[in-house]
Amino acid sequence: MTINQLKYVITLARCASMNEAAKKLFISQPSLSASVKELEKELGIQIFKRTNRGIALTPDGKEFLGYASQIIEQYDLVENKYVNKDNNKKKFSVSMQHYSFAVNAFINTVNKFGMNEYEFACRETQTYDVVDDVRTGISEIGILFINDFNRNVLEKLFSEYNLEFHPLLNCGIYAYLWKKHPLAKKTMVTLDDLMEYPFLFFDQGEHNSFYFSEEVLSTYDFKRKIKANDRATLLNLMVGLNGYTLCSGIISEDLNGSNYMAIKLDSEEIMTIGYIKRKNSVISEVGKQYIQDISKYKNSGMK
């Protein structure tokens, strides 16, 4: 097993096409295919299978990809620091649930490294994908929440995927709605107050489990529910339908505008927002700065 073979597997997994991966790697398609088959024979597993859509990872391949990504990430860090001393390009990727404050922290981090060369990525996505992105090395860290309801399921998944969760913020539960909502003048609301308005929540795709919901109280029998795919749509539905969602209370007017507000929900429920990383992985300089920037919301007053 060689470093090049690991890089071949990672590139092929991302391209899902033998021809496209070969072009990106600047090798012939037969050479790429032969190298991967040789690696599969050495490991005693099948990493890829052919489908109507191209190349896809097998379950064994997905597990192997997670380990391969960790090795290459650490290899690149060492190579950039000690071999390519003239290469100052910073690399960082984070996956997150739909948190505007997490995006705002990313912006602050980028601005601090803005005078240098960099290659960054910010992925707002579904809960399972946040976990899978970190497992497979697509992202260095992932931002999500756990609470008493989903803790056992998510911690079991973290353990299975060789990940660890680090808490950052403990938050109460707030109703997030627009400032002209009929309940906007209240200082606290109950679920009964909200019952007649549409509850807005993020679609979790094929992993549509209560435990992967981005909103707390996911098992509550809401009278009206509307599913959305992105944050912009959710905000539009708040205005057009007097909808609301449940959140941490930490909002960003810089990104979402000043037309929205958070009102404390009459509930003792607590959610803990934190980051996940691969066990034994070294967080990059940019990653450390991002964690520092997002941690500043701890004393934000839930605004």
C-alpha atoms as a PDB file:
ATOM      1  CA  MET A   1       0.000   0.000   0.000  1.00  0.00           C
ATOM      2  CA  THR A   2       1.434   3.367  -1.038  1.00  0.00           C
ATOM      3  CA  ILE A   3       0.577   7.029  -0.537  1.00  0.00           C
ATOM      4  CA  ASN A   4      -0.216   7.280  -4.250  1.00  0.00           C
ATOM      5  CA  GLN A   5      -2.702   4.429  -4.002  1.00  0.00           C
ATOM      6  CA  LEU A   6      -4.458   6.159  -1.118  1.00  0.00           C
ATOM      7  CA  LYS A   7      -4.631   9.366  -3.157  1.00  0.00           C
ATOM      8  CA  TYR A   8      -6.021   7.372  -6.101  1.00  0.00           C
ATOM      9  CA  VAL A   9      -8.816   5.959  -3.934  1.00  0.00           C
ATOM     10  CA  ILE A  10      -9.729   9.386  -2.511  1.00  0.00           C
ATOM     11  CA  THR A  11      -9.808  11.026  -5.953  1.00  0.00           C
ATOM     12  CA  LEU A  12     -11.795   8.180  -7.488  1.00  0.00           C
ATOM     13  CA  ALA A  13     -14.332   8.298  -4.656  1.00  0.00           C
ATOM     14  CA  ARG A  14     -14.856  12.027  -5.203  1.00  0.00           C
ATOM     15  CA  CYS A  15     -15.066  11.813  -9.002  1.00  0.00           C
ATOM     16  CA  ALA A  16     -17.165   8.608  -9.130  1.00  0.00           C
ATOM     17  CA  SER A  17     -15.689   8.143 -12.605  1.00  0.00           C
ATOM     18  CA  MET A  18     -12.556   6.224 -13.561  1.00  0.00           C
ATOM     19  CA  ASN A  19     -11.984   8.434 -16.606  1.00  0.00           C
ATOM     20  CA  GLU A  20     -12.409  11.748 -14.749  1.00  0.00           C
ATOM     21  CA  ALA A  21     -10.236  10.589 -11.836  1.00  0.00           C
ATOM     22  CA  ALA A  22      -7.469   9.483 -14.220  1.00  0.00           C
ATOM     23  CA  LYS A  23      -7.474  12.922 -15.846  1.00  0.00           C
ATOM     24  CA  LYS A  24      -7.195  14.677 -12.478  1.00  0.00           C
ATOM     25  CA  LEU A  25      -4.381  12.370 -11.423  1.00  0.00           C
ATOM     26  CA  PHE A  26      -2.563  12.720 -14.767  1.00  0.00           C
ATOM     27  CA  ILE A  27      -2.297   8.963 -15.269  1.00  0.00           C
ATOM     28  CA  SER A  28      -3.896   6.590 -17.753  1.00  0.00           C
ATOM     29  CA  GLN A  29      -7.216   4.958 -16.937  1.00  0.00           C
ATOM     30  CA  PRO A  30      -5.771   1.401 -17.210  1.00  0.00           C
ATOM     31  CA  SER A  31      -2.950   2.351 -14.801  1.00  0.00           C
ATOM     32  CA  LEU A  32      -5.449   3.765 -12.293  1.00  0.00           C
ATOM     33  CA  SER A  33      -7.680   0.711 -12.553  1.00  0.00           C
ATOM     34  CA  ALA A  34      -4.735  -1.674 -12.140  1.00  0.00           C
ATOM     35  CA  SER A  35      -3.406   0.220  -9.098  1.00  0.00           C
ATOM     36  CA  VAL A  36      -6.787   0.152  -7.345  1.00  0.00           C
ATOM     37  CA  LYS A  37      -7.266  -3.557  -8.092  1.00  0.00           C
ATOM     38  CA  GLU A  38      -3.794  -4.269  -6.726  1.00  0.00           C
ATOM     39  CA  LEU A  39      -4.676  -2.391  -3.523  1.00  0.00           C
ATOM     40  CA  GLU A  40      -7.987  -4.265  -3.198  1.00  0.00           C
ATOM     41  CA  LYS A  41      -6.136  -7.568  -3.590  1.00  0.00           C
ATOM     42  CA  GLU A  42      -3.595  -6.560  -0.938  1.00  0.00           C
ATOM     43  CA  LEU A  43      -6.304  -5.484   1.528  1.00  0.00           C
ATOM     44  CA  GLY A  44      -8.643  -8.380   0.772  1.00  0.00           C
ATOM     45  CA  ILE A  45     -11.660  -6.127   0.264  1.00  0.00           C
ATOM     46  CA  GLN A  46     -13.592  -4.595  -2.615  1.00  0.00           C
ATOM     47  CA  ILE A  47     -13.329  -0.814  -2.392  1.00  0.00           C
ATOM     48  CA  PHE A  48     -15.392   0.138  -5.459  1.00  0.00           C
ATOM     49  CA  LYS A  49     -18.253  -1.324  -7.420  1.00  0.00           C
ATOM     50  CA  ARG A  50     -19.541  -0.298 -10.838  1.00  0.00           C
ATOM     51  CA  THR A  51     -23.092   1.083 -11.074  1.00  0.00           C
ATOM     52  CA  ASN A  52     -25.229   2.643 -13.795  1.00  0.00           C
ATOM     53  CA  ARG A  53     -24.023   6.018 -12.535  1.00  0.00           C
ATOM     54  CA  GLY A  54     -20.338   5.129 -12.562  1.00  0.00           C
ATOM     55  CA  ILE A  55     -18.082   4.088  -9.695  1.00  0.00           C
ATOM     56  CA  ALA A  56     -19.405   3.822  -6.141  1.00  0.00           C
ATOM     57  CA  LEU A  57     -17.848   2.899  -2.806  1.00  0.00           C
ATOM     58  CA  THR A  58     -18.764  -0.386  -1.163  1.00  0.00           C
ATOM     59  CA  PRO A  59     -19.429  -0.409   2.628  1.00  0.00           C
ATOM     60  CA  ASP A  60     -15.854  -1.683   3.127  1.00  0.00           C
ATOM     61  CA  GLY A  61     -14.678   1.048   0.764  1.00  0.00           C
ATOM     62  CA  LYS A  62     -16.412   3.767   2.790  1.00  0.00           C
ATOM     63  CA  GLU A  63     -14.710   2.564   5.956  1.00  0.00           C
ATOM     64  CA  PHE A  64     -11.332   2.384   4.235  1.00  0.00           C
ATOM     65  CA  LEU A  65     -11.801   5.860   2.729  1.00  0.00           C
ATOM     66  CA  GLY A  66     -12.146   7.333   6.215  1.00  0.00           C
ATOM     67  CA  TYR A  67      -8.780   5.930   7.264  1.00  0.00           C
ATOM     68  CA  ALA A  68      -7.131   6.812   3.939  1.00  0.00           C
ATOM     69  CA  SER A  69      -8.322  10.412   4.206  1.00  0.00           C
ATOM     70  CA  GLN A  70      -6.838  10.756   7.689  1.00  0.00           C
ATOM     71  CA  ILE A  71      -3.474   9.420   6.501  1.00  0.00           C
ATOM     72  CA  ILE A  72      -3.343  11.732   3.476  1.00  0.00           C
ATOM     73  CA  GLU A  73      -4.428  14.730   5.515  1.00  0.00           C
ATOM     74  CA  GLN A  74      -1.623  14.169   8.011  1.00  0.00           C
ATOM     75  CA  TYR A  75       0.842  13.430   5.197  1.00  0.00           C
ATOM     76  CA  ASP A  76      -0.044  16.703   3.468  1.00  0.00           C
ATOM     77  CA  LEU A  77       0.429  18.640   6.705  1.00  0.00           C
ATOM     78  CA  VAL A  78       3.909  17.183   7.167  1.00  0.00           C
ATOM     79  CA  GLU A  79       4.814  17.674   3.495  1.00  0.00           C
ATOM     80  CA  ASN A  80       3.660  21.294   3.443  1.00  0.00           C
ATOM     81  CA  LYS A  81       5.446  22.137   6.669  1.00  0.00           C
ATOM     82  CA  TYR A  82       8.770  20.404   6.082  1.00  0.00           C
ATOM     83  CA  VAL A  83       9.084  19.753   2.339  1.00  0.00           C
ATOM     84  CA  ASN A  84       7.172  22.468   0.490  1.00  0.00           C
ATOM     85  CA  LYS A  85       8.372  25.258   2.725  1.00  0.00           C
ATOM     86  CA  ASP A  86       7.490  27.829   0.089  1.00  0.00           C
ATOM     87  CA  ASN A  87       3.881  26.642  -0.073  1.00  0.00           C
ATOM     88  CA  ASN A  88       1.864  28.836   2.288  1.00  0.00           C
ATOM     89  CA  LYS A  89      -1.598  27.932   1.018  1.00  0.00           C
ATOM     90  CA  LYS A  90      -3.940  27.205   3.931  1.00  0.00           C
ATOM     91  CA  LYS A  91      -6.588  24.503   3.559  1.00  0.00           C
ATOM     92  CA  PHE A  92      -9.696  24.069   5.677  1.00  0.00           C
ATOM     93  CA  SER A  93     -13.194  22.647   5.279  1.00  0.00           C
ATOM     94  CA  VAL A  94     -16.077  22.597   7.749  1.00  0.00           C
ATOM     95  CA  SER A  95     -19.501  20.958   7.464  1.00  0.00           C
ATOM     96  CA  MET A  96     -22.359  22.202   9.619  1.00  0.00           C
ATOM     97  CA  GLN A  97     -26.038  22.070  10.334  1.00  0.00           C
ATOM     98  CA  HIS A  98     -27.892  25.203   9.217  1.00  0.00           C
ATOM     99  CA  TYR A  99     -26.461  27.732  11.699  1.00  0.00           C
ATOM    100  CA  SER A 100     -25.993  31.299  10.516  1.00  0.00           C
ATOM    101  CA  PHE A 101     -23.641  32.038  13.419  1.00  0.00           C
ATOM    102  CA  ALA A 102     -21.429  29.121  12.332  1.00  0.00           C
ATOM    103  CA  VAL A 103     -21.266  30.622   8.841  1.00  0.00           C
ATOM    104  CA  ASN A 104     -20.495  34.024  10.361  1.00  0.00           C
ATOM    105  CA  ALA A 105     -17.640  32.488  12.372  1.00  0.00           C
ATOM    106  CA  PHE A 106     -16.336  30.971   9.130  1.00  0.00           C
ATOM    107  CA  ILE A 107     -16.402  34.428   7.504  1.00  0.00           C
ATOM    108  CA  ASN A 108     -14.455  35.866  10.428  1.00  0.00           C
ATOM    109  CA  THR A 109     -11.880  33.089  10.119  1.00  0.00           C
ATOM    110  CA  VAL A 110     -11.493  33.610   6.369  1.00  0.00           C
ATOM    111  CA  ASN A 111     -10.984  37.341   6.889  1.00  0.00           C
ATOM    112  CA  LYS A 112      -8.150  36.640   9.313  1.00  0.00           C
ATOM    113  CA  PHE A 113      -6.362  34.551   6.694  1.00  0.00           C
ATOM    114  CA  GLY A 114      -7.413  36.724   3.771  1.00  0.00           C
ATOM    115  CA  MET A 115      -3.939  38.040   2.985  1.00  0.00           C
ATOM    116  CA  ASN A 116      -2.567  34.532   2.382  1.00  0.00           C
ATOM    117  CA  GLU A 117      -3.300  31.925  -0.251  1.00  0.00           C
ATOM    118  CA  TYR A 118      -6.023  29.541   0.870  1.00  0.00           C
ATOM    119  CA  GLU A 119      -8.474  26.882  -0.206  1.00  0.00           C
ATOM    120  CA  PHE A 120     -11.471  26.806   2.163  1.00  0.00           C
ATOM    121  CA  ALA A 121     -14.902  25.163   2.067  1.00  0.00           C
ATOM    122  CA  CYS A 122     -18.080  25.806   4.090  1.00  0.00           C
ATOM    123  CA  ARG A 123     -20.811  23.165   3.757  1.00  0.00           C
ATOM    124  CA  GLU A 124     -24.275  23.734   5.247  1.00  0.00           C
ATOM    125  CA  THR A 125     -25.853  20.312   4.946  1.00  0.00           C
ATOM    126  CA  GLN A 126     -27.973  17.572   6.528  1.00  0.00           C
ATOM    127  CA  THR A 127     -27.012  16.103   9.890  1.00  0.00           C
ATOM    128  CA  TYR A 128     -25.851  12.699   8.661  1.00  0.00           C
ATOM    129  CA  ASP A 129     -23.773  14.351   5.938  1.00  0.00           C
ATOM    130  CA  VAL A 130     -22.037  16.521   8.555  1.00  0.00           C
ATOM    131  CA  VAL A 131     -20.942  13.329  10.305  1.00  0.00           C
ATOM    132  CA  ASP A 132     -20.057  11.506   7.090  1.00  0.00           C
ATOM    133  CA  ASP A 133     -18.073  14.461   5.722  1.00  0.00           C
ATOM    134  CA  VAL A 134     -15.820  14.392   8.768  1.00  0.00           C
ATOM    135  CA  ARG A 135     -15.550  10.609   8.721  1.00  0.00           C
ATOM    136  CA  THR A 136     -14.433  10.552   5.082  1.00  0.00           C
ATOM    137  CA  GLY A 137     -12.145  13.575   5.364  1.00  0.00           C
ATOM    138  CA  ILE A 138     -14.208  15.885   3.165  1.00  0.00           C
ATOM    139  CA  SER A 139     -14.281  18.249   6.137  1.00  0.00           C
ATOM    140  CA  GLU A 140     -11.808  18.663   8.964  1.00  0.00           C
ATOM    141  CA  ILE A 141     -14.517  19.366  11.533  1.00  0.00           C
ATOM    142  CA  GLY A 142     -18.319  19.307  11.709  1.00  0.00           C
ATOM    143  CA  ILE A 143     -20.696  21.540  13.690  1.00  0.00           C
ATOM    144  CA  LEU A 144     -23.894  20.038  15.131  1.00  0.00           C
ATOM    145  CA  PHE A 145     -25.883  19.730  18.340  1.00  0.00           C
ATOM    146  CA  ILE A 146     -26.641  16.944  20.776  1.00  0.00           C
ATOM    147  CA  ASN A 147     -29.191  16.794  23.585  1.00  0.00           C
ATOM    148  CA  ASP A 148     -30.705  14.182  25.890  1.00  0.00           C
ATOM    149  CA  PHE A 149     -32.909  12.872  23.078  1.00  0.00           C
ATOM    150  CA  ASN A 150     -30.354  12.244  20.319  1.00  0.00           C
ATOM    151  CA  ARG A 151     -27.222  11.803  22.459  1.00  0.00           C
ATOM    152  CA  ASN A 152     -27.131   7.992  22.596  1.00  0.00           C
ATOM    153  CA  VAL A 153     -27.749   7.562  18.868  1.00  0.00           C
ATOM    154  CA  LEU A 154     -25.230  10.187  17.767  1.00  0.00           C
ATOM    155  CA  GLU A 155     -22.533   9.152  20.242  1.00  0.00           C
ATOM    156  CA  LYS A 156     -22.881   5.550  19.038  1.00  0.00           C
ATOM    157  CA  LEU A 157     -22.445   6.806  15.463  1.00  0.00           C
ATOM    158  CA  PHE A 158     -19.424   8.899  16.465  1.00  0.00           C
ATOM    159  CA  SER A 159     -17.836   5.856  18.099  1.00  0.00           C
ATOM    160  CA  GLU A 160     -18.550   3.656  15.074  1.00  0.00           C
ATOM    161  CA  TYR A 161     -17.006   6.255  12.738  1.00  0.00           C
ATOM    162  CA  ASN A 162     -13.992   6.889  14.998  1.00  0.00           C
ATOM    163  CA  LEU A 163     -15.050  10.477  15.741  1.00  0.00           C
ATOM    164  CA  GLU A 164     -15.118  12.532  18.923  1.00  0.00           C
ATOM    165  CA  PHE A 165     -17.478  15.323  19.983  1.00  0.00           C
ATOM    166  CA  HIS A 166     -16.238  18.484  21.711  1.00  0.00           C
ATOM    167  CA  PRO A 167     -18.902  20.748  23.303  1.00  0.00           C
ATOM    168  CA  LEU A 168     -18.738  24.483  22.628  1.00  0.00           C
ATOM    169  CA  LEU A 169     -22.055  26.122  23.558  1.00  0.00           C
ATOM    170  CA  ASN A 170     -24.930  25.163  25.885  1.00  0.00           C
ATOM    171  CA  CYS A 171     -28.157  26.821  24.755  1.00  0.00           C
ATOM    172  CA  GLY A 172     -31.791  27.047  25.737  1.00  0.00           C
ATOM    173  CA  ILE A 173     -34.546  26.648  23.153  1.00  0.00           C
ATOM    174  CA  TYR A 174     -35.975  29.619  21.246  1.00  0.00           C
ATOM    175  CA  ALA A 175     -38.698  30.161  18.677  1.00  0.00           C
ATOM    176  CA  TYR A 176     -37.205  31.846  15.625  1.00  0.00           C
ATOM    177  CA  LEU A 177     -39.666  33.973  13.609  1.00  0.00           C
ATOM    178  CA  TRP A 178     -39.993  37.254  11.751  1.00  0.00           C
ATOM    179  CA  LYS A 179     -40.494  40.509  13.616  1.00  0.00           C
ATOM    180  CA  LYS A 180     -44.042  41.051  12.305  1.00  0.00           C
ATOM    181  CA  HIS A 181     -45.231  37.663  13.502  1.00  0.00           C
ATOM    182  CA  PRO A 182     -48.376  37.870  15.703  1.00  0.00           C
ATOM    183  CA  LEU A 183     -46.328  36.525  18.644  1.00  0.00           C
ATOM    184  CA  ALA A 184     -43.396  38.891  18.138  1.00  0.00           C
ATOM    185  CA  LYS A 185     -44.199  41.090  21.151  1.00  0.00           C
ATOM    186  CA  LYS A 186     -44.074  38.224  23.625  1.00  0.00           C
ATOM    187  CA  THR A 187     -41.006  37.760  25.829  1.00  0.00           C
ATOM    188  CA  MET A 188     -41.653  34.028  26.124  1.00  0.00           C
ATOM    189  CA  VAL A 189     -43.812  31.601  24.158  1.00  0.00           C
ATOM    190  CA  THR A 190     -45.204  28.128  24.785  1.00  0.00           C
ATOM    191  CA  LEU A 191     -45.791  25.301  22.340  1.00  0.00           C
ATOM    192  CA  ASP A 192     -49.502  25.986  22.739  1.00  0.00           C
ATOM    193  CA  ASP A 193     -48.932  29.595  21.614  1.00  0.00           C
ATOM    194  CA  LEU A 194     -47.159  28.301  18.495  1.00  0.00           C
ATOM    195  CA  MET A 195     -49.624  25.534  17.714  1.00  0.00           C
ATOM    196  CA  GLU A 196     -51.637  27.430  15.071  1.00  0.00           C
ATOM    197  CA  TYR A 197     -48.567  28.489  13.071  1.00  0.00           C
ATOM    198  CA  PRO A 198     -46.535  26.360  10.653  1.00  0.00           C
ATOM    199  CA  PHE A 199     -43.517  24.664  12.196  1.00  0.00           C
ATOM    200  CA  LEU A 200     -40.599  24.874   9.747  1.00  0.00           C
ATOM    201  CA  PHE A 201     -37.847  22.274   9.728  1.00  0.00           C
ATOM    202  CA  PHE A 202     -34.949  21.135   7.564  1.00  0.00           C
ATOM    203  CA  ASP A 203     -35.277  18.123   5.289  1.00  0.00           C
ATOM    204  CA  GLN A 204     -32.879  15.329   6.263  1.00  0.00           C
ATOM    205  CA  GLY A 205     -33.225  13.387   3.011  1.00  0.00           C
ATOM    206  CA  GLU A 206     -32.821   9.620   3.134  1.00  0.00           C
ATOM    207  CA  HIS A 207     -31.648   9.836   6.753  1.00  0.00           C
ATOM    208  CA  ASN A 208     -34.964  11.309   7.852  1.00  0.00           C
ATOM    209  CA  SER A 209     -34.855  10.132  11.472  1.00  0.00           C
ATOM    210  CA  PHE A 210     -36.061  12.039  14.526  1.00  0.00           C
ATOM    211  CA  TYR A 211     -32.539  11.592  15.880  1.00  0.00           C
ATOM    212  CA  PHE A 212     -31.009  13.472  12.921  1.00  0.00           C
ATOM    213  CA  SER A 213     -33.426  16.403  13.128  1.00  0.00           C
ATOM    214  CA  GLU A 214     -31.787  19.826  13.377  1.00  0.00           C
ATOM    215  CA  GLU A 215     -34.662  21.050  15.532  1.00  0.00           C
ATOM    216  CA  VAL A 216     -35.209  19.986  19.141  1.00  0.00           C
ATOM    217  CA  LEU A 217     -38.548  18.480  20.213  1.00  0.00           C
ATOM    218  CA  SER A 218     -38.650  16.647  16.876  1.00  0.00           C
ATOM    219  CA  THR A 219     -41.099  14.028  18.191  1.00  0.00           C
ATOM    220  CA  TYR A 220     -43.641  16.641  19.285  1.00  0.00           C
ATOM    221  CA  ASP A 221     -46.963  16.394  17.461  1.00  0.00           C
ATOM    222  CA  PHE A 222     -46.898  19.754  15.639  1.00  0.00           C
ATOM    223  CA  LYS A 223     -50.252  20.571  14.058  1.00  0.00           C
ATOM    224  CA  ARG A 224     -48.758  22.117  10.898  1.00  0.00           C
ATOM    225  CA  LYS A 225     -45.324  21.194   9.541  1.00  0.00           C
ATOM    226  CA  ILE A 226     -43.418  22.408   6.487  1.00  0.00           C
ATOM    227  CA  LYS A 227     -40.111  20.930   5.336  1.00  0.00           C
ATOM    228  CA  ALA A 228     -37.466  23.067   3.617  1.00  0.00           C
ATOM    229  CA  ASN A 229     -34.064  22.351   2.068  1.00  0.00           C
ATOM    230  CA  ASP A 230     -32.155  25.543   2.802  1.00  0.00           C
ATOM    231  CA  ARG A 231     -31.987  28.481   5.178  1.00  0.00           C
ATOM    232  CA  ALA A 232     -33.084  31.104   2.625  1.00  0.00           C
ATOM    233  CA  THR A 233     -36.305  29.202   1.900  1.00  0.00           C
ATOM    234  CA  LEU A 234     -36.966  28.799   5.612  1.00  0.00           C
ATOM    235  CA  LEU A 235     -36.676  32.565   6.135  1.00  0.00           C
ATOM    236  CA  ASN A 236     -39.036  33.253   3.227  1.00  0.00           C
ATOM    237  CA  LEU A 237     -41.612  30.872   4.700  1.00  0.00           C
ATOM    238  CA  MET A 238     -41.395  32.705   8.022  1.00  0.00           C
ATOM    239  CA  VAL A 239     -42.419  35.910   6.299  1.00  0.00           C
ATOM    240  CA  GLY A 240     -44.958  34.497   3.854  1.00  0.00           C
ATOM    241  CA  LEU A 241     -46.724  32.086   6.195  1.00  0.00           C
ATOM    242  CA  ASN A 242     -45.946  33.354   9.700  1.00  0.00           C
ATOM    243  CA  GLY A 243     -43.962  30.171  10.165  1.00  0.00           C
ATOM    244  CA  TYR A 244     -41.376  29.551  12.867  1.00  0.00           C
ATOM    245  CA  THR A 245     -38.643  27.124  13.756  1.00  0.00           C
ATOM    246  CA  LEU A 246     -36.909  26.147  16.985  1.00  0.00           C
ATOM    247  CA  CYS A 247     -33.290  27.127  17.451  1.00  0.00           C
ATOM    248  CA  SER A 248     -30.466  27.908  19.875  1.00  0.00           C
ATOM    249  CA  GLY A 249     -31.341  31.600  20.041  1.00  0.00           C
ATOM    250  CA  ILE A 250     -27.960  32.536  18.577  1.00  0.00           C
ATOM    251  CA  ILE A 251     -28.753  34.413  15.390  1.00  0.00           C
ATOM    252  CA  SER A 252     -26.768  36.538  12.980  1.00  0.00           C
ATOM    253  CA  GLU A 253     -28.344  39.754  11.733  1.00  0.00           C
ATOM    254  CA  ASP A 254     -25.263  40.327   9.575  1.00  0.00           C
ATOM    255  CA  LEU A 255     -26.270  37.380   7.383  1.00  0.00           C
ATOM    256  CA  ASN A 256     -30.028  36.918   7.867  1.00  0.00           C
ATOM    257  CA  GLY A 257     -30.953  40.586   8.148  1.00  0.00           C
ATOM    258  CA  SER A 258     -32.724  42.407  10.959  1.00  0.00           C
ATOM    259  CA  ASN A 259     -36.249  41.189  10.152  1.00  0.00           C
ATOM    260  CA  TYR A 260     -36.048  38.095  12.367  1.00  0.00           C
ATOM    261  CA  MET A 261     -35.969  37.468  16.099  1.00  0.00           C
ATOM    262  CA  ALA A 262     -35.656  34.712  18.697  1.00  0.00           C
ATOM    263  CA  ILE A 263     -38.122  34.377  21.604  1.00  0.00           C
ATOM    264  CA  LYS A 264     -37.396  32.077  24.531  1.00  0.00           C
ATOM    265  CA  LEU A 265     -39.504  28.923  24.566  1.00  0.00           C
ATOM    266  CA  ASP A 266     -41.052  27.985  27.904  1.00  0.00           C
ATOM    267  CA  SER A 267     -39.005  24.812  28.198  1.00  0.00           C
ATOM    268  CA  GLU A 268     -36.102  23.540  30.284  1.00  0.00           C
ATOM    269  CA  GLU A 269     -34.704  21.668  27.277  1.00  0.00           C
ATOM    270  CA  ILE A 270     -30.970  22.252  26.663  1.00  0.00           C
ATOM    271  CA  MET A 271     -29.001  21.705  23.468  1.00  0.00           C
ATOM    272  CA  THR A 272     -25.223  21.489  23.297  1.00  0.00           C
ATOM    273  CA  ILE A 273     -23.602  22.726  20.088  1.00  0.00           C
ATOM    274  CA  GLY A 274     -20.107  21.454  19.452  1.00  0.00           C
ATOM    275  CA  TYR A 275     -17.694  20.167  16.870  1.00  0.00           C
ATOM    276  CA  ILE A 276     -16.733  16.674  15.792  1.00  0.00           C
ATOM    277  CA  LYS A 277     -13.314  15.614  14.531  1.00  0.00           C
ATOM    278  CA  ARG A 278     -11.599  12.357  13.719  1.00  0.00           C
ATOM    279  CA  LYS A 279      -9.933  10.750  16.722  1.00  0.00           C
ATOM    280  CA  ASN A 280      -6.193  11.344  16.921  1.00  0.00           C
ATOM    281  CA  SER A 281      -6.308  13.865  14.059  1.00  0.00           C
ATOM    282  CA  VAL A 282      -4.415  17.142  14.364  1.00  0.00           C
ATOM    283  CA  ILE A 283      -6.537  20.250  13.884  1.00  0.00           C
ATOM    284  CA  SER A 284      -5.012  22.706  11.429  1.00  0.00           C
ATOM    285  CA  GLU A 285      -4.073  26.287  12.254  1.00  0.00           C
ATOM    286  CA  VAL A 286      -7.183  27.486  10.412  1.00  0.00           C
ATOM    287  CA  GLY A 287      -9.365  24.933  12.177  1.00  0.00           C
ATOM    288  CA  LYS A 288      -8.144  26.103  15.568  1.00  0.00           C
ATOM    289  CA  GLN A 289      -8.933  29.698  14.623  1.00  0.00           C
ATOM    290  CA  TYR A 290     -12.431  28.708  13.457  1.00  0.00           C
ATOM    291  CA  ILE A 291     -13.141  26.905  16.737  1.00  0.00           C
ATOM    292  CA  GLN A 292     -11.943  29.997  18.603  1.00  0.00           C
ATOM    293  CA  ASP A 293     -14.209  32.250  16.489  1.00  0.00           C
ATOM    294  CA  ILE A 294     -17.298  30.102  16.971  1.00  0.00           C
ATOM    295  CA  SER A 295     -16.610  29.757  20.720  1.00  0.00           C
ATOM    296  CA  LYS A 296     -17.038  33.532  21.076  1.00  0.00           C
ATOM    297  CA  TYR A 297     -20.798  33.036  20.814  1.00  0.00           C
ATOM    298  CA  LYS A 298     -20.763  31.404  24.254  1.00  0.00           C
ATOM    299  CA  ASN A 299     -21.273  34.827  25.817  1.00  0.00           C
ATOM    300  CA  SER A 300     -23.491  36.222  23.076  1.00  0.00           C
ATOM    301  CA  GLY A 301     -26.588  36.438  25.261  1.00  0.00           C
ATOM    302  CA  MET A 302     -28.430  34.209  22.786  1.00  0.00           C
ATOM    303  CA  LYS A 303     -28.856  37.041  20.326  1.00  0.00           C
END
